[in-house]
Amino acid sequence: MRAVVQRVRQGSVTVEGQKVAQIQAGLVILLAIGPQDNVDTVNAMARKIAMLRIFSDDQGKMNLSVLDIHGEAIVVSQFTLYADTHKGNRPSFFGSAAPEVASPLVDHFAGQLRQLGVPTQCGVFGAHMVVEIINDGPVTIPLDM
């Protein structure tokens, strides 16, 4: 499982001209599921991200989590995080899970964030999405599980 976590002042996802997700302060999480991933991997990643201290406290130090600031999250499925460009110029994506495996795990991940107390919205799995963010910092953290 691979994620790119971005601390944002605001974020949104639009599909076919319709805004399907929109948040203020919080996280935009680009998420890729690998073929070896399962519910346990997803649960661990959700806990890690919910507790990740990447928001500033009164002293300007990154000491607060998205839970601490009462922030929100958007989860965007992005299999291209598993791009392999070692051969040639066209990436291959053999490292990502098949859609029938990945889609329910992405949904489970979003559900886990909600259970942990992070209000979470999602993009549309497999759709062409326009993701808009105002990155805060910028703070962008890649994570692998």
N, C-alpha and C. Protein backbone atom coordinates (compact mmCIF):
# COMPACT_ATOMS: atom_id res chain seq x y z
N MET A 1 0.85 -1.17 0.00
CA MET A 1 0.00 0.00 0.00
C MET A 1 0.90 1.23 0.00
N ARG A 2 0.49 2.18 -0.77
CA ARG A 2 1.27 3.40 -0.91
C ARG A 2 0.32 4.59 -0.82
N ALA A 3 0.76 5.62 -0.09
CA ALA A 3 -0.05 6.83 0.04
C ALA A 3 0.85 8.04 -0.08
N VAL A 4 0.29 9.09 -0.63
CA VAL A 4 0.91 10.41 -0.60
C VAL A 4 -0.08 11.29 0.15
N VAL A 5 0.37 11.78 1.31
CA VAL A 5 -0.48 12.56 2.20
C VAL A 5 -0.09 14.03 2.05
N GLN A 6 -1.07 14.85 1.74
CA GLN A 6 -0.80 16.27 1.55
C GLN A 6 -1.61 17.08 2.56
N ARG A 7 -0.91 17.91 3.30
CA ARG A 7 -1.59 18.82 4.23
C ARG A 7 -2.14 19.97 3.40
N VAL A 8 -3.43 20.22 3.53
CA VAL A 8 -4.06 21.22 2.67
C VAL A 8 -4.86 22.24 3.48
N ARG A 9 -4.97 23.42 2.91
CA ARG A 9 -5.90 24.43 3.45
C ARG A 9 -7.29 24.19 2.90
N GLN A 10 -7.33 23.67 1.68
CA GLN A 10 -8.60 23.22 1.10
C GLN A 10 -8.31 22.27 -0.05
N GLY A 11 -9.28 21.44 -0.34
CA GLY A 11 -9.14 20.48 -1.42
C GLY A 11 -10.50 20.11 -1.96
N SER A 12 -10.50 19.66 -3.22
CA SER A 12 -11.75 19.21 -3.82
C SER A 12 -11.47 18.22 -4.93
N VAL A 13 -12.49 17.45 -5.26
CA VAL A 13 -12.44 16.50 -6.38
C VAL A 13 -13.67 16.73 -7.23
N THR A 14 -13.44 16.85 -8.54
CA THR A 14 -14.53 17.04 -9.50
C THR A 14 -14.49 15.91 -10.51
N VAL A 15 -15.66 15.35 -10.80
CA VAL A 15 -15.80 14.29 -11.79
C VAL A 15 -16.90 14.70 -12.76
N GLU A 16 -16.56 14.75 -14.04
CA GLU A 16 -17.51 15.11 -15.09
C GLU A 16 -18.26 16.41 -14.75
N GLY A 17 -17.51 17.40 -14.29
CA GLY A 17 -18.08 18.71 -14.00
C GLY A 17 -18.81 18.82 -12.68
N GLN A 18 -18.93 17.72 -11.93
CA GLN A 18 -19.62 17.73 -10.64
C GLN A 18 -18.62 17.59 -9.50
N LYS A 19 -18.70 18.50 -8.53
CA LYS A 19 -17.83 18.41 -7.36
C LYS A 19 -18.35 17.27 -6.49
N VAL A 20 -17.50 16.24 -6.28
CA VAL A 20 -17.92 15.08 -5.50
C VAL A 20 -17.34 15.08 -4.09
N ALA A 21 -16.35 15.92 -3.83
CA ALA A 21 -15.75 16.03 -2.51
C ALA A 21 -15.15 17.42 -2.36
N GLN A 22 -15.27 17.95 -1.14
CA GLN A 22 -14.69 19.26 -0.87
C GLN A 22 -14.45 19.39 0.63
N ILE A 23 -13.23 19.82 0.99
CA ILE A 23 -12.88 20.02 2.40
C ILE A 23 -12.16 21.35 2.58
N GLN A 24 -12.11 21.74 3.84
CA GLN A 24 -11.26 22.86 4.23
C GLN A 24 -9.97 22.26 4.80
N ALA A 25 -9.47 22.75 5.89
CA ALA A 25 -8.19 22.27 6.44
C ALA A 25 -8.22 20.78 6.71
N GLY A 26 -7.16 20.11 6.27
CA GLY A 26 -7.07 18.68 6.49
C GLY A 26 -6.08 18.02 5.57
N LEU A 27 -6.45 16.84 5.07
CA LEU A 27 -5.56 16.02 4.26
C LEU A 27 -6.21 15.62 2.94
N VAL A 28 -5.44 15.68 1.88
CA VAL A 28 -5.80 15.00 0.64
C VAL A 28 -4.85 13.82 0.56
N ILE A 29 -5.43 12.62 0.48
CA ILE A 29 -4.65 11.39 0.52
C ILE A 29 -4.78 10.68 -0.82
N LEU A 30 -3.69 10.61 -1.56
CA LEU A 30 -3.63 9.83 -2.79
C LEU A 30 -3.25 8.42 -2.37
N LEU A 31 -4.06 7.42 -2.73
CA LEU A 31 -3.91 6.08 -2.18
C LEU A 31 -3.85 5.03 -3.28
N ALA A 32 -2.83 4.17 -3.19
CA ALA A 32 -2.69 3.05 -4.13
C ALA A 32 -2.65 1.75 -3.34
N ILE A 33 -3.39 0.78 -3.84
CA ILE A 33 -3.45 -0.54 -3.22
C ILE A 33 -2.59 -1.49 -4.04
N GLY A 34 -1.76 -2.26 -3.35
CA GLY A 34 -0.95 -3.28 -4.01
C GLY A 34 -1.63 -4.64 -3.92
N PRO A 35 -1.19 -5.59 -4.74
CA PRO A 35 -1.84 -6.91 -4.75
C PRO A 35 -1.70 -7.67 -3.43
N GLN A 36 -0.71 -7.36 -2.64
CA GLN A 36 -0.50 -8.04 -1.36
C GLN A 36 -1.27 -7.40 -0.21
N ASP A 37 -1.92 -6.27 -0.44
CA ASP A 37 -2.59 -5.55 0.63
C ASP A 37 -3.89 -6.23 1.03
N ASN A 38 -4.26 -6.01 2.30
CA ASN A 38 -5.48 -6.60 2.84
C ASN A 38 -6.04 -5.66 3.90
N VAL A 39 -7.08 -6.10 4.58
CA VAL A 39 -7.75 -5.27 5.59
C VAL A 39 -6.78 -4.85 6.69
N ASP A 40 -5.88 -5.72 7.09
CA ASP A 40 -4.92 -5.37 8.15
C ASP A 40 -3.99 -4.25 7.69
N THR A 41 -3.52 -4.33 6.45
CA THR A 41 -2.64 -3.28 5.91
C THR A 41 -3.39 -1.95 5.86
N VAL A 42 -4.61 -2.02 5.39
CA VAL A 42 -5.45 -0.81 5.27
C VAL A 42 -5.69 -0.20 6.65
N ASN A 43 -6.02 -1.01 7.63
CA ASN A 43 -6.27 -0.51 8.98
C ASN A 43 -5.02 0.17 9.56
N ALA A 44 -3.86 -0.44 9.35
CA ALA A 44 -2.61 0.13 9.85
C ALA A 44 -2.31 1.47 9.18
N MET A 45 -2.52 1.55 7.87
CA MET A 45 -2.27 2.80 7.16
C MET A 45 -3.24 3.89 7.62
N ALA A 46 -4.49 3.55 7.81
CA ALA A 46 -5.47 4.54 8.26
C ALA A 46 -5.09 5.09 9.64
N ARG A 47 -4.70 4.20 10.55
CA ARG A 47 -4.26 4.64 11.89
C ARG A 47 -3.04 5.55 11.79
N LYS A 48 -2.07 5.14 10.98
CA LYS A 48 -0.84 5.93 10.82
C LYS A 48 -1.17 7.34 10.33
N ILE A 49 -2.02 7.44 9.32
CA ILE A 49 -2.34 8.75 8.74
C ILE A 49 -3.18 9.58 9.70
N ALA A 50 -4.14 8.99 10.39
CA ALA A 50 -4.97 9.74 11.33
C ALA A 50 -4.13 10.33 12.47
N MET A 51 -3.08 9.62 12.86
CA MET A 51 -2.24 10.05 13.98
C MET A 51 -1.00 10.84 13.53
N LEU A 52 -0.76 10.94 12.23
CA LEU A 52 0.44 11.60 11.71
C LEU A 52 0.46 13.06 12.13
N ARG A 53 1.51 13.45 12.85
CA ARG A 53 1.59 14.81 13.39
C ARG A 53 2.29 15.72 12.38
N ILE A 54 1.48 16.29 11.50
CA ILE A 54 2.04 17.15 10.44
C ILE A 54 1.39 18.54 10.43
N PHE A 55 0.59 18.84 11.45
CA PHE A 55 -0.02 20.17 11.55
C PHE A 55 0.68 20.94 12.66
N SER A 56 0.78 22.25 12.48
CA SER A 56 1.54 23.10 13.40
C SER A 56 0.78 23.38 14.69
N ASP A 57 1.54 23.37 15.79
CA ASP A 57 0.99 23.79 17.08
C ASP A 57 1.21 25.29 17.25
N ASP A 58 0.96 25.80 18.47
CA ASP A 58 1.12 27.25 18.73
C ASP A 58 2.55 27.73 18.52
N GLN A 59 3.51 26.82 18.65
CA GLN A 59 4.92 27.16 18.51
C GLN A 59 5.41 27.04 17.06
N GLY A 60 4.52 26.63 16.16
CA GLY A 60 4.92 26.45 14.77
C GLY A 60 5.57 25.11 14.48
N LYS A 61 5.55 24.20 15.46
CA LYS A 61 6.15 22.87 15.27
C LYS A 61 5.07 21.89 14.82
N MET A 62 5.47 20.94 13.97
CA MET A 62 4.52 19.93 13.52
C MET A 62 4.30 18.91 14.64
N ASN A 63 3.31 19.18 15.47
CA ASN A 63 3.00 18.36 16.64
C ASN A 63 1.57 17.87 16.67
N LEU A 64 0.75 18.30 15.72
CA LEU A 64 -0.68 17.99 15.77
C LEU A 64 -1.09 17.10 14.60
N SER A 65 -2.06 16.24 14.86
CA SER A 65 -2.60 15.36 13.82
C SER A 65 -3.87 16.00 13.24
N VAL A 66 -4.38 15.39 12.20
CA VAL A 66 -5.64 15.84 11.60
C VAL A 66 -6.77 15.73 12.64
N LEU A 67 -6.68 14.74 13.52
CA LEU A 67 -7.67 14.62 14.60
C LEU A 67 -7.58 15.79 15.56
N ASP A 68 -6.35 16.18 15.91
CA ASP A 68 -6.14 17.27 16.86
C ASP A 68 -6.71 18.59 16.35
N ILE A 69 -6.63 18.83 15.05
CA ILE A 69 -7.11 20.10 14.50
C ILE A 69 -8.56 20.01 14.05
N HIS A 70 -9.19 18.85 14.25
CA HIS A 70 -10.56 18.61 13.79
C HIS A 70 -10.68 18.83 12.29
N GLY A 71 -9.65 18.35 11.58
CA GLY A 71 -9.62 18.48 10.13
C GLY A 71 -10.40 17.37 9.43
N GLU A 72 -10.41 17.47 8.11
CA GLU A 72 -11.14 16.53 7.28
C GLU A 72 -10.16 15.85 6.33
N ALA A 73 -10.65 14.88 5.57
CA ALA A 73 -9.80 14.21 4.59
C ALA A 73 -10.58 13.91 3.32
N ILE A 74 -9.84 13.89 2.23
CA ILE A 74 -10.34 13.37 0.95
C ILE A 74 -9.41 12.24 0.56
N VAL A 75 -9.99 11.09 0.21
CA VAL A 75 -9.23 9.94 -0.26
C VAL A 75 -9.44 9.82 -1.76
N VAL A 76 -8.32 9.80 -2.50
CA VAL A 76 -8.36 9.68 -3.96
C VAL A 76 -7.58 8.43 -4.34
N SER A 77 -8.25 7.47 -4.91
CA SER A 77 -7.58 6.26 -5.38
C SER A 77 -6.68 6.64 -6.56
N GLN A 78 -5.41 6.23 -6.50
CA GLN A 78 -4.48 6.60 -7.56
C GLN A 78 -3.47 5.48 -7.80
N PHE A 79 -3.86 4.52 -8.66
CA PHE A 79 -3.00 3.37 -8.95
C PHE A 79 -1.68 3.78 -9.56
N THR A 80 -1.59 4.98 -10.13
CA THR A 80 -0.35 5.42 -10.77
C THR A 80 0.79 5.62 -9.77
N LEU A 81 0.50 5.58 -8.47
CA LEU A 81 1.58 5.64 -7.48
C LEU A 81 2.49 4.42 -7.57
N TYR A 82 2.00 3.37 -8.23
CA TYR A 82 2.81 2.16 -8.44
C TYR A 82 3.47 2.15 -9.82
N ALA A 83 3.60 3.29 -10.45
CA ALA A 83 4.22 3.34 -11.77
C ALA A 83 5.66 2.83 -11.73
N ASP A 84 5.99 1.99 -12.70
CA ASP A 84 7.36 1.50 -12.85
C ASP A 84 7.89 2.03 -14.19
N THR A 85 8.94 2.83 -14.11
CA THR A 85 9.49 3.46 -15.32
C THR A 85 10.91 2.99 -15.60
N HIS A 86 11.29 1.84 -15.05
CA HIS A 86 12.65 1.34 -15.25
C HIS A 86 12.94 1.01 -16.71
N LYS A 87 11.95 0.51 -17.43
CA LYS A 87 12.16 0.15 -18.83
C LYS A 87 11.37 1.10 -19.71
N GLY A 88 12.05 1.77 -20.60
CA GLY A 88 11.38 2.64 -21.56
C GLY A 88 10.80 3.89 -20.94
N ASN A 89 9.93 4.52 -21.69
CA ASN A 89 9.35 5.79 -21.27
C ASN A 89 7.88 5.71 -20.91
N ARG A 90 7.28 4.53 -21.13
CA ARG A 90 5.88 4.36 -20.79
C ARG A 90 5.79 3.56 -19.49
N PRO A 91 5.17 4.13 -18.45
CA PRO A 91 5.11 3.42 -17.18
C PRO A 91 4.24 2.17 -17.26
N SER A 92 4.61 1.18 -16.46
CA SER A 92 3.75 0.01 -16.28
C SER A 92 3.22 0.07 -14.85
N PHE A 93 2.11 -0.60 -14.63
CA PHE A 93 1.45 -0.52 -13.33
C PHE A 93 1.18 -1.90 -12.74
N PHE A 94 2.07 -2.85 -13.03
CA PHE A 94 1.89 -4.21 -12.55
C PHE A 94 1.94 -4.30 -11.03
N GLY A 95 2.51 -3.30 -10.38
CA GLY A 95 2.59 -3.31 -8.92
C GLY A 95 1.31 -2.94 -8.22
N SER A 96 0.31 -2.49 -8.96
CA SER A 96 -0.95 -2.11 -8.32
C SER A 96 -1.94 -3.27 -8.37
N ALA A 97 -2.85 -3.28 -7.43
CA ALA A 97 -3.85 -4.34 -7.35
C ALA A 97 -4.90 -4.16 -8.44
N ALA A 98 -5.52 -5.26 -8.82
CA ALA A 98 -6.63 -5.22 -9.78
C ALA A 98 -7.79 -4.42 -9.18
N PRO A 99 -8.57 -3.77 -10.03
CA PRO A 99 -9.68 -2.94 -9.52
C PRO A 99 -10.63 -3.67 -8.58
N GLU A 100 -10.91 -4.95 -8.85
CA GLU A 100 -11.85 -5.68 -7.98
C GLU A 100 -11.28 -5.93 -6.59
N VAL A 101 -9.97 -5.85 -6.45
CA VAL A 101 -9.31 -5.96 -5.14
C VAL A 101 -9.17 -4.57 -4.52
N ALA A 102 -8.74 -3.62 -5.33
CA ALA A 102 -8.41 -2.28 -4.83
C ALA A 102 -9.64 -1.49 -4.39
N SER A 103 -10.70 -1.51 -5.17
CA SER A 103 -11.87 -0.67 -4.87
C SER A 103 -12.44 -0.91 -3.48
N PRO A 104 -12.72 -2.16 -3.08
CA PRO A 104 -13.25 -2.34 -1.73
C PRO A 104 -12.26 -1.97 -0.62
N LEU A 105 -10.97 -2.12 -0.89
CA LEU A 105 -9.97 -1.74 0.12
C LEU A 105 -9.86 -0.23 0.26
N VAL A 106 -10.02 0.50 -0.84
CA VAL A 106 -10.04 1.97 -0.75
C VAL A 106 -11.26 2.41 0.07
N ASP A 107 -12.41 1.79 -0.20
CA ASP A 107 -13.62 2.11 0.58
C ASP A 107 -13.42 1.79 2.06
N HIS A 108 -12.79 0.65 2.33
CA HIS A 108 -12.53 0.26 3.72
C HIS A 108 -11.60 1.27 4.40
N PHE A 109 -10.57 1.72 3.67
CA PHE A 109 -9.64 2.71 4.20
C PHE A 109 -10.39 3.98 4.60
N ALA A 110 -11.24 4.48 3.72
CA ALA A 110 -12.02 5.69 4.03
C ALA A 110 -12.91 5.44 5.25
N GLY A 111 -13.52 4.27 5.32
CA GLY A 111 -14.35 3.93 6.47
C GLY A 111 -13.56 3.88 7.76
N GLN A 112 -12.34 3.37 7.70
CA GLN A 112 -11.48 3.33 8.88
C GLN A 112 -11.14 4.73 9.36
N LEU A 113 -10.82 5.63 8.42
CA LEU A 113 -10.55 7.01 8.82
C LEU A 113 -11.76 7.60 9.54
N ARG A 114 -12.96 7.34 9.00
CA ARG A 114 -14.18 7.85 9.63
C ARG A 114 -14.33 7.27 11.04
N GLN A 115 -14.10 5.95 11.18
CA GLN A 115 -14.21 5.32 12.51
C GLN A 115 -13.22 5.90 13.50
N LEU A 116 -12.07 6.32 13.00
CA LEU A 116 -11.06 6.93 13.86
C LEU A 116 -11.39 8.38 14.21
N GLY A 117 -12.42 8.94 13.57
CA GLY A 117 -12.86 10.29 13.90
C GLY A 117 -12.51 11.35 12.88
N VAL A 118 -12.02 10.94 11.72
CA VAL A 118 -11.67 11.90 10.67
C VAL A 118 -12.82 11.95 9.65
N PRO A 119 -13.56 13.07 9.57
CA PRO A 119 -14.58 13.17 8.54
C PRO A 119 -13.92 13.00 7.16
N THR A 120 -14.38 12.02 6.39
CA THR A 120 -13.67 11.64 5.17
C THR A 120 -14.62 11.55 3.99
N GLN A 121 -14.20 12.18 2.90
CA GLN A 121 -14.91 12.09 1.63
C GLN A 121 -14.00 11.37 0.64
N CYS A 122 -14.55 10.98 -0.49
CA CYS A 122 -13.77 10.22 -1.47
C CYS A 122 -13.99 10.74 -2.87
N GLY A 123 -12.96 10.49 -3.70
CA GLY A 123 -13.12 10.65 -5.13
C GLY A 123 -13.95 9.47 -5.64
N VAL A 124 -13.99 9.30 -6.95
CA VAL A 124 -14.74 8.21 -7.56
C VAL A 124 -13.74 7.21 -8.14
N PHE A 125 -13.75 5.99 -7.63
CA PHE A 125 -12.80 4.97 -8.05
C PHE A 125 -12.89 4.75 -9.56
N GLY A 126 -11.75 4.80 -10.23
CA GLY A 126 -11.66 4.52 -11.65
C GLY A 126 -12.08 5.67 -12.57
N ALA A 127 -12.57 6.75 -12.00
CA ALA A 127 -13.02 7.89 -12.82
C ALA A 127 -11.86 8.82 -13.12
N HIS A 128 -12.02 9.60 -14.18
CA HIS A 128 -11.07 10.69 -14.44
C HIS A 128 -11.47 11.82 -13.49
N MET A 129 -10.56 12.18 -12.60
CA MET A 129 -10.86 13.18 -11.57
C MET A 129 -9.98 14.40 -11.73
N VAL A 130 -10.54 15.53 -11.42
CA VAL A 130 -9.77 16.77 -11.30
C VAL A 130 -9.63 17.02 -9.80
N VAL A 131 -8.40 16.96 -9.32
CA VAL A 131 -8.13 17.14 -7.89
C VAL A 131 -7.49 18.50 -7.71
N GLU A 132 -8.15 19.33 -6.93
CA GLU A 132 -7.62 20.67 -6.66
C GLU A 132 -7.23 20.74 -5.19
N ILE A 133 -6.04 21.27 -4.94
CA ILE A 133 -5.61 21.45 -3.56
C ILE A 133 -4.92 22.81 -3.41
N ILE A 134 -5.02 23.31 -2.21
CA ILE A 134 -4.15 24.39 -1.79
C ILE A 134 -3.29 23.76 -0.71
N ASN A 135 -2.08 23.35 -1.12
CA ASN A 135 -1.16 22.64 -0.23
C ASN A 135 -0.65 23.63 0.81
N ASP A 136 -0.66 23.21 2.06
CA ASP A 136 -0.27 24.07 3.17
C ASP A 136 1.13 23.71 3.61
N GLY A 137 2.08 24.58 3.35
CA GLY A 137 3.46 24.37 3.78
C GLY A 137 4.47 24.65 2.69
N PRO A 138 4.56 23.88 1.67
CA PRO A 138 3.83 22.63 1.41
C PRO A 138 4.35 21.50 2.29
N VAL A 139 3.41 20.65 2.68
CA VAL A 139 3.76 19.44 3.41
C VAL A 139 3.18 18.27 2.63
N THR A 140 4.05 17.42 2.13
CA THR A 140 3.67 16.24 1.35
C THR A 140 4.51 15.07 1.86
N ILE A 141 3.82 14.04 2.36
CA ILE A 141 4.50 12.91 3.00
C ILE A 141 4.16 11.62 2.24
N PRO A 142 5.16 10.94 1.65
CA PRO A 142 4.90 9.63 1.05
C PRO A 142 5.00 8.54 2.12
N LEU A 143 4.10 7.57 2.07
CA LEU A 143 4.09 6.46 3.02
C LEU A 143 3.92 5.14 2.29
N ASP A 144 4.64 4.12 2.74
CA ASP A 144 4.50 2.76 2.22
C ASP A 144 4.23 1.82 3.39
N MET A 145 3.36 0.85 3.17
CA MET A 145 3.10 -0.18 4.19
C MET A 145 3.26 -1.53 3.52
